[in-house]
């Protein structure tokens, strides 16, 4: 992520997630970028071009792979510490496996993340949950 973070900083975006996995017999390095107001295709293309040039200098990945750069998407579930920290101050939808205060679903603003626990403000009340207790935590989107 070090290379990605350096590239992102120069381009005015943030790397909010990355994954390296095998799909349909091919290794794929997928990087998710974001910025205030969202990213577009031009942001993704520019990041991909600059990142490719930078990663090719060190060539830290020994196997052949495809690079994909995209926005996190509207319905994407937050999964990593990096994402929780990046989206502090943002409205999220939370669905829990078990009830808290008689409810399983909440919409609130992320206030903090530490040691696998997220704190968010929901209806003027602070809730702190272990992220493992959530079926999902995702960015709130109004249609």
Protein backbone atom coordinates (compact mmCIF):
# COMPACT_ATOMS: atom_id res chain seq x y z
CA UNK A 1 0.00 0.00 0.00
CA UNK A 2 2.99 2.28 0.45
CA UNK A 3 3.35 2.83 -3.31
CA UNK A 4 -0.40 3.34 -3.66
CA UNK A 5 -0.51 5.87 -0.84
CA UNK A 6 2.34 7.90 -2.38
CA UNK A 7 0.63 7.92 -5.79
CA UNK A 8 -2.73 8.77 -4.24
CA UNK A 9 -1.28 11.73 -2.36
CA UNK A 10 0.20 13.21 -5.53
CA UNK A 11 -3.13 12.82 -7.35
CA UNK A 12 -5.38 14.14 -4.57
CA UNK A 13 -7.15 10.86 -3.86
CA UNK A 14 -6.98 8.26 -1.07
CA UNK A 15 -6.51 4.52 -1.26
CA UNK A 16 -9.38 3.16 0.84
CA UNK A 17 -8.87 -0.51 0.12
CA UNK A 18 -6.97 -3.10 -1.86
CA UNK A 19 -7.18 -6.80 -2.51
CA UNK A 20 -5.04 -9.31 -4.31
CA UNK A 21 -6.86 -12.47 -5.23
CA UNK A 22 -7.38 -15.10 -7.86
CA UNK A 23 -10.51 -14.87 -9.99
CA UNK A 24 -11.27 -17.00 -13.02
CA UNK A 25 -7.71 -18.34 -12.99
CA UNK A 26 -6.12 -14.87 -13.02
CA UNK A 27 -4.41 -12.93 -10.22
CA UNK A 28 -6.03 -9.52 -9.77
CA UNK A 29 -4.70 -6.56 -7.83
CA UNK A 30 -7.76 -4.41 -7.15
CA UNK A 31 -7.29 -0.96 -5.62
CA UNK A 32 -10.17 1.21 -4.44
CA UNK A 33 -9.67 4.98 -4.41
CA UNK A 34 -11.88 7.81 -3.22
CA UNK A 35 -11.88 11.57 -2.64
CA UNK A 36 -14.33 14.18 -1.43
CA UNK A 37 -17.14 14.30 -3.95
CA UNK A 38 -16.24 10.84 -5.30
CA UNK A 39 -13.94 9.63 -8.02
CA UNK A 40 -14.64 9.27 -11.71
CA UNK A 41 -13.23 7.22 -14.55
CA UNK A 42 -10.51 9.83 -15.24
CA UNK A 43 -9.29 9.60 -11.63
CA UNK A 44 -9.13 5.81 -11.89
CA UNK A 45 -7.32 5.91 -15.23
CA UNK A 46 -4.75 8.43 -14.00
CA UNK A 47 -4.13 6.50 -10.77
CA UNK A 48 -3.77 3.25 -12.73
CA UNK A 49 -1.25 4.76 -15.15
CA UNK A 50 0.92 6.40 -12.46
CA UNK A 51 0.67 3.43 -10.07
CA UNK A 52 1.67 1.00 -12.85
CA UNK A 53 4.76 3.05 -13.62
CA UNK A 54 5.74 3.21 -9.94
CA UNK A 55 5.12 -0.45 -9.09
CA UNK A 56 7.04 -1.58 -12.18
CA UNK A 57 10.16 0.16 -10.82
CA UNK A 58 10.35 -2.15 -7.78
CA UNK A 59 8.33 -5.04 -9.22
CA UNK A 60 7.34 -6.40 -5.75
CA UNK A 61 4.75 -8.83 -7.16
CA UNK A 62 6.46 -11.82 -8.71
CA UNK A 63 3.42 -13.34 -10.44
CA UNK A 64 1.60 -12.00 -13.45
CA UNK A 65 -1.51 -10.02 -12.49
CA UNK A 66 -4.15 -7.63 -13.76
CA UNK A 67 -4.49 -4.20 -12.15
CA UNK A 68 -7.99 -2.82 -11.56
CA UNK A 69 -8.60 0.61 -10.05
CA UNK A 70 -12.09 1.72 -9.11
CA UNK A 71 -14.20 3.68 -6.70
CA UNK A 72 -15.39 1.86 -3.58
CA UNK A 73 -18.94 1.88 -4.94
CA UNK A 74 -22.13 3.13 -3.35
CA UNK A 75 -23.17 -0.13 -1.70
CA UNK A 76 -19.69 -1.33 -0.69
CA UNK A 77 -19.35 -2.71 2.81
CA UNK A 78 -16.58 -1.26 4.94
CA UNK A 79 -14.20 -3.98 6.08
CA UNK A 80 -10.80 -2.66 7.04
CA UNK A 81 -9.35 -0.30 9.61
CA UNK A 82 -8.17 1.89 6.74
CA UNK A 83 -11.75 2.26 5.49
CA UNK A 84 -13.23 2.97 8.92
CA UNK A 85 -10.62 5.63 9.57
CA UNK A 86 -10.98 7.17 6.11
CA UNK A 87 -14.75 7.48 6.44
CA UNK A 88 -14.81 9.05 9.94
CA UNK A 89 -17.48 11.75 9.94
CA UNK A 90 -19.47 9.92 7.28
CA UNK A 91 -23.01 8.57 7.54
CA UNK A 92 -23.18 4.75 7.52
CA UNK A 93 -25.80 2.04 7.72
CA UNK A 94 -25.13 -0.67 10.30
CA UNK A 95 -26.89 -4.01 10.55
CA UNK A 96 -26.08 -6.16 13.57
CA UNK A 97 -26.45 -9.89 14.09
CA UNK A 98 -28.04 -9.31 17.54
CA UNK A 99 -30.15 -6.48 18.90
CA UNK A 100 -28.75 -3.50 20.77
CA UNK A 101 -31.29 -1.29 22.52
CA UNK A 102 -34.04 -3.38 20.87
CA UNK A 103 -32.80 -2.77 17.30
CA UNK A 104 -30.56 -4.46 14.76
CA UNK A 105 -30.32 -1.66 12.18
CA UNK A 106 -28.90 1.82 12.67
CA UNK A 107 -27.86 4.81 10.61
CA UNK A 108 -25.22 7.02 12.16
CA UNK A 109 -22.03 9.00 11.74
CA UNK A 110 -18.69 7.24 12.30
CA UNK A 111 -16.88 8.99 15.14
CA UNK A 112 -13.95 6.63 15.77
CA UNK A 113 -12.43 3.22 15.20
CA UNK A 114 -10.03 1.43 17.50
CA UNK A 115 -9.11 -2.20 18.19
CA UNK A 116 -11.86 -3.65 16.01
CA UNK A 117 -14.56 -1.43 17.49
CA UNK A 118 -16.43 1.36 15.76
CA UNK A 119 -18.17 4.20 17.57
CA UNK A 120 -20.91 6.05 15.79
CA UNK A 121 -23.51 8.66 16.68
CA UNK A 122 -27.06 7.57 16.03
CA UNK A 123 -30.04 9.71 17.03
CA UNK A 124 -27.85 11.80 19.39
CA UNK A 125 -26.63 8.66 21.15
CA UNK A 126 -23.14 7.17 20.91
CA UNK A 127 -22.95 3.46 20.17
CA UNK A 128 -19.78 1.38 20.16
CA UNK A 129 -19.82 -2.07 18.62
CA UNK A 130 -17.31 -4.70 17.66
CA UNK A 131 -17.22 -4.81 13.87
CA UNK A 132 -17.41 -8.62 14.07
CA UNK A 133 -20.92 -8.20 15.52
CA UNK A 134 -22.13 -6.46 12.36
CA UNK A 135 -23.63 -8.23 9.37
CA UNK A 136 -22.52 -5.11 7.49
CA UNK A 137 -21.37 -1.54 7.90
CA UNK A 138 -21.68 0.41 4.67
CA UNK A 139 -21.83 3.98 3.48
CA UNK A 140 -25.33 5.42 3.66
CA UNK A 141 -26.81 6.27 0.31
CA UNK A 142 -30.11 8.02 -0.31
CA UNK A 143 -31.84 7.13 -3.56
